[in-house]
N, C-alpha and C. Protein backbone atom coordinates (compact mmCIF):
# COMPACT_ATOMS: atom_id res chain seq x y z
N MET A 1 14.29 22.57 -0.50
CA MET A 1 13.77 21.51 -1.34
C MET A 1 14.87 20.53 -1.69
N ALA A 2 14.61 19.25 -1.57
CA ALA A 2 15.57 18.24 -1.89
C ALA A 2 15.68 18.07 -3.40
N THR A 3 16.87 17.74 -3.85
CA THR A 3 17.07 17.35 -5.24
C THR A 3 17.65 15.94 -5.21
N TYR A 4 17.34 15.19 -6.23
CA TYR A 4 17.76 13.79 -6.26
C TYR A 4 18.53 13.54 -7.58
N PRO A 5 19.70 12.91 -7.44
CA PRO A 5 20.33 12.44 -8.66
C PRO A 5 19.42 11.43 -9.33
N LYS A 6 19.34 11.47 -10.62
CA LYS A 6 18.40 10.58 -11.38
C LYS A 6 18.85 9.13 -11.28
N ILE A 7 17.87 8.26 -11.22
CA ILE A 7 18.10 6.82 -11.27
C ILE A 7 18.11 6.46 -12.76
N THR A 8 19.15 5.78 -13.18
CA THR A 8 19.24 5.40 -14.61
C THR A 8 18.88 3.91 -14.75
N VAL A 9 18.68 3.51 -15.99
CA VAL A 9 18.45 2.10 -16.28
C VAL A 9 19.68 1.29 -15.84
N GLN A 10 20.84 1.88 -16.02
CA GLN A 10 22.09 1.18 -15.60
C GLN A 10 22.08 0.95 -14.08
N HIS A 11 21.60 1.95 -13.34
CA HIS A 11 21.52 1.77 -11.87
C HIS A 11 20.58 0.57 -11.55
N LEU A 12 19.47 0.49 -12.24
CA LEU A 12 18.54 -0.63 -11.96
C LEU A 12 19.16 -1.96 -12.32
N LEU A 13 19.85 -2.00 -13.47
CA LEU A 13 20.50 -3.22 -13.90
C LEU A 13 21.60 -3.61 -12.90
N ASP A 14 22.43 -2.66 -12.48
CA ASP A 14 23.47 -2.96 -11.51
C ASP A 14 22.88 -3.48 -10.20
N THR A 15 21.77 -2.88 -9.78
CA THR A 15 21.11 -3.34 -8.56
C THR A 15 20.62 -4.77 -8.73
N TYR A 16 19.98 -5.05 -9.85
CA TYR A 16 19.50 -6.39 -10.12
C TYR A 16 20.65 -7.40 -10.10
N LEU A 17 21.75 -7.05 -10.74
CA LEU A 17 22.88 -7.97 -10.81
C LEU A 17 23.57 -8.18 -9.45
N SER A 18 23.34 -7.25 -8.52
CA SER A 18 23.95 -7.41 -7.19
C SER A 18 23.12 -8.31 -6.27
N PHE A 19 21.92 -8.66 -6.68
CA PHE A 19 21.07 -9.54 -5.83
C PHE A 19 21.66 -10.94 -5.80
N PRO A 20 21.40 -11.63 -4.67
CA PRO A 20 21.78 -13.05 -4.60
C PRO A 20 21.00 -13.82 -5.65
N ASP A 21 21.54 -14.97 -6.09
CA ASP A 21 20.94 -15.77 -7.16
C ASP A 21 19.47 -16.07 -6.90
N GLY A 22 19.12 -16.39 -5.64
CA GLY A 22 17.74 -16.76 -5.33
C GLY A 22 16.76 -15.64 -5.67
N ILE A 23 17.10 -14.42 -5.37
CA ILE A 23 16.21 -13.32 -5.67
C ILE A 23 16.26 -13.00 -7.17
N ARG A 24 17.47 -13.01 -7.74
CA ARG A 24 17.63 -12.68 -9.17
C ARG A 24 16.86 -13.66 -10.04
N GLN A 25 16.81 -14.90 -9.68
CA GLN A 25 16.13 -15.91 -10.50
C GLN A 25 14.60 -15.81 -10.36
N ASP A 26 14.11 -15.20 -9.34
CA ASP A 26 12.69 -15.01 -9.15
C ASP A 26 12.33 -13.60 -9.63
N LEU A 27 11.79 -13.50 -10.85
CA LEU A 27 11.54 -12.18 -11.43
C LEU A 27 10.56 -11.37 -10.62
N GLY A 28 9.59 -12.03 -10.00
CA GLY A 28 8.63 -11.30 -9.16
C GLY A 28 9.31 -10.70 -7.96
N ALA A 29 10.16 -11.48 -7.29
CA ALA A 29 10.87 -10.97 -6.10
C ALA A 29 11.85 -9.91 -6.47
N SER A 30 12.58 -10.09 -7.55
CA SER A 30 13.60 -9.08 -7.94
C SER A 30 12.96 -7.80 -8.38
N SER A 31 11.88 -7.86 -9.19
CA SER A 31 11.24 -6.62 -9.61
C SER A 31 10.56 -5.90 -8.45
N PHE A 32 10.00 -6.64 -7.51
CA PHE A 32 9.37 -6.01 -6.38
C PHE A 32 10.42 -5.39 -5.45
N THR A 33 11.55 -6.04 -5.30
CA THR A 33 12.65 -5.49 -4.50
C THR A 33 13.16 -4.20 -5.11
N ILE A 34 13.36 -4.19 -6.42
CA ILE A 34 13.81 -2.97 -7.11
C ILE A 34 12.76 -1.85 -6.93
N THR A 35 11.50 -2.22 -7.02
CA THR A 35 10.43 -1.25 -6.81
C THR A 35 10.54 -0.61 -5.44
N LEU A 36 10.72 -1.43 -4.41
CA LEU A 36 10.83 -0.91 -3.05
C LEU A 36 12.05 -0.02 -2.90
N LEU A 37 13.16 -0.36 -3.57
CA LEU A 37 14.35 0.46 -3.53
C LEU A 37 14.11 1.85 -4.19
N VAL A 38 13.38 1.86 -5.30
CA VAL A 38 13.09 3.14 -5.99
C VAL A 38 12.19 3.98 -5.10
N VAL A 39 11.17 3.39 -4.55
CA VAL A 39 10.28 4.14 -3.63
C VAL A 39 11.03 4.66 -2.43
N LYS A 40 11.87 3.81 -1.85
CA LYS A 40 12.68 4.22 -0.70
C LYS A 40 13.61 5.35 -1.06
N TYR A 41 14.23 5.30 -2.23
CA TYR A 41 15.17 6.33 -2.68
C TYR A 41 14.48 7.72 -2.70
N TYR A 42 13.31 7.75 -3.28
CA TYR A 42 12.61 9.03 -3.42
C TYR A 42 11.81 9.45 -2.19
N LEU A 43 11.13 8.51 -1.61
CA LEU A 43 10.22 8.89 -0.50
C LEU A 43 10.80 8.60 0.91
N GLY A 44 11.78 7.75 0.99
CA GLY A 44 12.46 7.51 2.25
C GLY A 44 11.93 6.31 3.01
N GLU A 45 12.76 5.84 3.90
CA GLU A 45 12.42 4.68 4.70
C GLU A 45 11.23 4.95 5.63
N ASP A 46 11.16 6.14 6.21
CA ASP A 46 10.02 6.46 7.10
C ASP A 46 8.70 6.40 6.32
N TRP A 47 8.69 6.86 5.08
CA TRP A 47 7.50 6.81 4.25
C TRP A 47 7.09 5.35 4.01
N LEU A 48 8.08 4.52 3.67
CA LEU A 48 7.80 3.09 3.47
C LEU A 48 7.18 2.49 4.72
N LYS A 49 7.78 2.78 5.87
CA LYS A 49 7.24 2.21 7.12
C LYS A 49 5.83 2.70 7.42
N THR A 50 5.59 3.95 7.14
CA THR A 50 4.28 4.53 7.48
C THR A 50 3.20 4.04 6.52
N HIS A 51 3.52 3.92 5.22
CA HIS A 51 2.47 3.67 4.22
C HIS A 51 2.45 2.27 3.63
N LEU A 52 3.53 1.54 3.75
CA LEU A 52 3.56 0.21 3.12
C LEU A 52 3.72 -0.94 4.07
N ARG A 53 4.26 -0.72 5.25
CA ARG A 53 4.59 -1.82 6.16
C ARG A 53 3.37 -2.71 6.40
N PRO A 54 3.54 -3.98 6.06
CA PRO A 54 2.37 -4.90 6.20
C PRO A 54 1.99 -5.29 7.61
N LEU A 55 2.89 -5.13 8.55
CA LEU A 55 2.59 -5.59 9.90
C LEU A 55 1.87 -4.57 10.76
N VAL A 56 1.42 -3.49 10.16
CA VAL A 56 0.63 -2.49 10.89
C VAL A 56 -0.82 -2.82 10.63
N SER A 57 -1.63 -2.79 11.68
CA SER A 57 -3.01 -3.21 11.52
C SER A 57 -3.88 -2.14 10.88
N ARG A 58 -3.45 -0.90 10.91
CA ARG A 58 -4.27 0.18 10.31
C ARG A 58 -4.30 0.06 8.79
N PRO A 59 -5.47 -0.11 8.20
CA PRO A 59 -5.53 -0.22 6.73
C PRO A 59 -5.18 1.12 6.07
N GLU A 60 -4.63 1.04 4.90
CA GLU A 60 -4.30 2.25 4.14
C GLU A 60 -4.31 1.89 2.67
N PHE A 61 -4.43 2.91 1.83
CA PHE A 61 -4.56 2.74 0.40
C PHE A 61 -3.43 1.91 -0.18
N THR A 62 -2.20 2.13 0.26
CA THR A 62 -1.03 1.43 -0.29
C THR A 62 -0.49 0.32 0.59
N ARG A 63 -1.04 0.13 1.78
CA ARG A 63 -0.50 -0.81 2.75
C ARG A 63 -0.44 -2.23 2.13
N LEU A 64 0.73 -2.82 2.18
CA LEU A 64 0.88 -4.19 1.70
C LEU A 64 0.16 -5.16 2.63
N GLN A 65 -0.45 -6.15 2.07
CA GLN A 65 -1.24 -7.08 2.84
C GLN A 65 -0.51 -8.41 3.01
N LEU A 66 -0.53 -8.95 4.19
CA LEU A 66 -0.04 -10.31 4.43
C LEU A 66 -1.22 -11.14 4.85
N ALA A 67 -1.44 -12.20 4.13
CA ALA A 67 -2.58 -13.09 4.45
C ALA A 67 -2.32 -14.42 3.74
N ASP A 68 -3.18 -15.36 4.01
CA ASP A 68 -3.05 -16.65 3.35
C ASP A 68 -3.45 -16.52 1.89
N PRO A 69 -2.49 -16.62 0.97
CA PRO A 69 -2.79 -16.41 -0.46
C PRO A 69 -3.66 -17.54 -1.01
N ALA A 70 -3.83 -18.64 -0.26
CA ALA A 70 -4.70 -19.71 -0.72
C ALA A 70 -6.16 -19.26 -0.75
N GLU A 71 -6.50 -18.31 0.08
CA GLU A 71 -7.84 -17.78 0.06
C GLU A 71 -7.97 -16.79 -1.08
N LEU A 72 -8.90 -17.02 -2.00
CA LEU A 72 -9.03 -16.23 -3.23
C LEU A 72 -9.12 -14.75 -2.93
N GLN A 73 -9.95 -14.36 -2.00
CA GLN A 73 -10.12 -12.94 -1.69
C GLN A 73 -8.83 -12.30 -1.19
N ASN A 74 -8.13 -13.00 -0.32
CA ASN A 74 -6.84 -12.49 0.20
C ASN A 74 -5.81 -12.42 -0.93
N ALA A 75 -5.78 -13.40 -1.81
CA ALA A 75 -4.82 -13.39 -2.92
C ALA A 75 -5.07 -12.20 -3.82
N LYS A 76 -6.33 -11.92 -4.07
CA LYS A 76 -6.68 -10.74 -4.90
C LYS A 76 -6.26 -9.45 -4.21
N ARG A 77 -6.50 -9.31 -2.96
CA ARG A 77 -6.10 -8.12 -2.20
C ARG A 77 -4.59 -7.95 -2.19
N ILE A 78 -3.85 -9.03 -1.99
CA ILE A 78 -2.39 -9.00 -2.00
C ILE A 78 -1.87 -8.54 -3.35
N TYR A 79 -2.47 -9.09 -4.40
CA TYR A 79 -2.05 -8.72 -5.76
C TYR A 79 -2.32 -7.23 -6.03
N ILE A 80 -3.48 -6.74 -5.66
CA ILE A 80 -3.82 -5.32 -5.87
C ILE A 80 -2.87 -4.40 -5.12
N GLN A 81 -2.64 -4.72 -3.86
CA GLN A 81 -1.74 -3.85 -3.05
C GLN A 81 -0.31 -3.90 -3.61
N SER A 82 0.14 -5.06 -4.04
CA SER A 82 1.48 -5.18 -4.61
C SER A 82 1.56 -4.38 -5.94
N PHE A 83 0.49 -4.47 -6.76
CA PHE A 83 0.47 -3.72 -7.99
C PHE A 83 0.58 -2.21 -7.76
N LYS A 84 -0.14 -1.71 -6.73
CA LYS A 84 -0.09 -0.30 -6.40
C LYS A 84 1.35 0.13 -6.10
N THR A 85 2.07 -0.70 -5.39
CA THR A 85 3.46 -0.42 -5.03
C THR A 85 4.34 -0.42 -6.28
N VAL A 86 4.19 -1.42 -7.12
CA VAL A 86 5.00 -1.47 -8.37
C VAL A 86 4.65 -0.28 -9.24
N ASP A 87 3.39 0.06 -9.34
CA ASP A 87 2.98 1.23 -10.14
C ASP A 87 3.61 2.49 -9.61
N LEU A 88 3.63 2.66 -8.31
CA LEU A 88 4.27 3.85 -7.71
C LEU A 88 5.74 3.90 -8.07
N GLY A 89 6.45 2.78 -7.95
CA GLY A 89 7.85 2.75 -8.32
C GLY A 89 8.08 3.12 -9.77
N GLU A 90 7.24 2.61 -10.65
CA GLU A 90 7.32 2.92 -12.07
C GLU A 90 7.08 4.41 -12.31
N LEU A 91 6.07 4.95 -11.67
CA LEU A 91 5.78 6.37 -11.81
C LEU A 91 6.99 7.21 -11.37
N LEU A 92 7.57 6.92 -10.23
CA LEU A 92 8.70 7.67 -9.74
C LEU A 92 9.88 7.58 -10.69
N PHE A 93 10.18 6.41 -11.19
CA PHE A 93 11.27 6.24 -12.13
C PHE A 93 11.01 6.98 -13.46
N SER A 94 9.82 6.78 -14.00
CA SER A 94 9.50 7.34 -15.33
C SER A 94 9.34 8.85 -15.34
N LEU A 95 8.91 9.45 -14.24
CA LEU A 95 8.60 10.88 -14.21
C LEU A 95 9.70 11.69 -13.58
N GLN A 96 10.78 11.11 -13.19
CA GLN A 96 11.85 11.82 -12.49
C GLN A 96 12.48 12.97 -13.30
N GLU A 97 12.31 12.95 -14.61
CA GLU A 97 12.87 14.02 -15.46
C GLU A 97 11.93 15.22 -15.61
N VAL A 98 10.72 15.08 -15.15
CA VAL A 98 9.73 16.15 -15.31
C VAL A 98 10.03 17.33 -14.42
N ASP A 99 9.93 18.54 -14.97
CA ASP A 99 10.19 19.74 -14.21
C ASP A 99 9.24 19.82 -13.01
N GLY A 100 9.77 20.07 -11.83
CA GLY A 100 8.96 20.15 -10.63
C GLY A 100 8.77 18.82 -9.91
N PHE A 101 9.38 17.75 -10.40
CA PHE A 101 9.25 16.41 -9.80
C PHE A 101 9.65 16.44 -8.32
N CYS A 102 10.74 17.08 -8.01
CA CYS A 102 11.22 17.11 -6.60
C CYS A 102 10.19 17.76 -5.68
N GLU A 103 9.52 18.79 -6.14
CA GLU A 103 8.48 19.43 -5.34
C GLU A 103 7.33 18.45 -5.09
N CYS A 104 6.97 17.68 -6.10
CA CYS A 104 5.90 16.70 -5.94
C CYS A 104 6.33 15.67 -4.90
N ILE A 105 7.54 15.19 -4.94
CA ILE A 105 8.03 14.22 -3.97
C ILE A 105 8.01 14.82 -2.56
N THR A 106 8.40 16.06 -2.45
CA THR A 106 8.41 16.70 -1.14
C THR A 106 6.99 16.76 -0.57
N ARG A 107 6.00 17.05 -1.44
CA ARG A 107 4.60 17.05 -0.97
C ARG A 107 4.16 15.66 -0.54
N MET A 108 4.54 14.66 -1.33
CA MET A 108 4.14 13.30 -1.02
C MET A 108 4.70 12.85 0.33
N LYS A 109 5.86 13.31 0.68
CA LYS A 109 6.45 12.92 1.95
C LYS A 109 5.68 13.49 3.15
N THR A 110 5.01 14.61 2.92
CA THR A 110 4.36 15.27 4.04
C THR A 110 2.84 15.11 4.07
N GLU A 111 2.25 14.64 2.97
CA GLU A 111 0.81 14.48 2.94
C GLU A 111 0.38 13.29 3.77
N ARG A 112 -0.70 13.45 4.47
CA ARG A 112 -1.20 12.36 5.33
C ARG A 112 -1.79 11.25 4.49
N PHE A 113 -2.48 11.61 3.42
CA PHE A 113 -3.13 10.61 2.55
C PHE A 113 -2.35 10.52 1.25
N VAL A 114 -1.81 9.33 0.97
CA VAL A 114 -0.99 9.13 -0.20
C VAL A 114 -1.77 9.24 -1.52
N GLU A 115 -3.07 9.12 -1.45
CA GLU A 115 -3.86 9.12 -2.65
C GLU A 115 -3.70 10.43 -3.45
N THR A 116 -3.50 11.53 -2.75
CA THR A 116 -3.35 12.82 -3.40
C THR A 116 -2.12 12.81 -4.31
N GLY A 117 -0.99 12.40 -3.77
CA GLY A 117 0.25 12.34 -4.57
C GLY A 117 0.15 11.33 -5.69
N LEU A 118 -0.45 10.19 -5.40
CA LEU A 118 -0.59 9.15 -6.43
C LEU A 118 -1.49 9.65 -7.58
N ALA A 119 -2.54 10.33 -7.25
CA ALA A 119 -3.42 10.89 -8.27
C ALA A 119 -2.66 11.90 -9.16
N GLU A 120 -1.85 12.75 -8.52
CA GLU A 120 -1.06 13.70 -9.26
C GLU A 120 -0.10 12.99 -10.20
N LEU A 121 0.60 11.99 -9.72
CA LEU A 121 1.51 11.24 -10.55
C LEU A 121 0.81 10.52 -11.69
N ASP A 122 -0.35 9.93 -11.41
CA ASP A 122 -1.12 9.24 -12.47
C ASP A 122 -1.55 10.19 -13.56
N PHE A 123 -2.02 11.39 -13.15
CA PHE A 123 -2.45 12.37 -14.14
C PHE A 123 -1.28 12.82 -14.99
N VAL A 124 -0.12 13.05 -14.34
CA VAL A 124 1.07 13.45 -15.06
C VAL A 124 1.49 12.35 -16.03
N ARG A 125 1.38 11.10 -15.64
CA ARG A 125 1.72 10.01 -16.55
C ARG A 125 0.87 10.09 -17.81
N MET A 126 -0.41 10.38 -17.68
CA MET A 126 -1.25 10.49 -18.86
C MET A 126 -0.77 11.61 -19.80
N LEU A 127 -0.40 12.72 -19.24
CA LEU A 127 0.15 13.81 -20.05
C LEU A 127 1.46 13.40 -20.70
N TYR A 128 2.32 12.76 -19.89
CA TYR A 128 3.65 12.37 -20.35
C TYR A 128 3.61 11.40 -21.51
N ILE A 129 2.79 10.36 -21.39
CA ILE A 129 2.77 9.34 -22.47
C ILE A 129 2.07 9.86 -23.74
N ASN A 130 1.36 10.98 -23.60
CA ASN A 130 0.71 11.60 -24.74
C ASN A 130 1.47 12.84 -25.26
N ASP A 131 2.73 12.93 -24.84
CA ASP A 131 3.65 13.99 -25.31
C ASP A 131 3.11 15.40 -25.11
N GLN A 132 2.42 15.61 -24.01
CA GLN A 132 1.90 16.96 -23.69
C GLN A 132 2.99 17.68 -22.88
N LYS A 133 3.10 18.97 -23.10
CA LYS A 133 4.04 19.80 -22.34
C LYS A 133 3.38 20.15 -21.00
N PHE A 134 4.12 19.98 -19.91
CA PHE A 134 3.59 20.25 -18.59
C PHE A 134 4.76 20.29 -17.61
N ARG A 135 4.44 20.64 -16.37
CA ARG A 135 5.39 20.56 -15.27
C ARG A 135 4.58 20.47 -13.99
N PHE A 136 5.22 19.95 -12.95
CA PHE A 136 4.56 19.92 -11.65
C PHE A 136 4.58 21.32 -11.08
N ILE A 137 3.48 21.74 -10.45
CA ILE A 137 3.40 23.06 -9.81
C ILE A 137 3.07 22.84 -8.35
């Protein structure tokens, strides 16, 4: 089972400060880039390519969409898919201290359908923000 050194707020700040001015000045671009780095850190580049890469024609729950944002329906789809990615990054960062987190990540790397792992993380978030005692099993 893999173990991961924790990502700290200082790590995120240092990463943000290392960005070129163009990305750092665009809060949307910088926060999304940090999100992708957090996801990549925990789930790996292969996971990103398999589940998020927008240039793959196979639809998937988390697949990022590239389309003409001028079209309202496409803009909405792009926003939803981007939100799912940012939410995943936030879940990984916020729940990294929970007992059994590494086992959850290991499962997410091998599951065919990402919805299972996302549902587990979402449920754990509800317990976590309500100060319930729990651990991943």
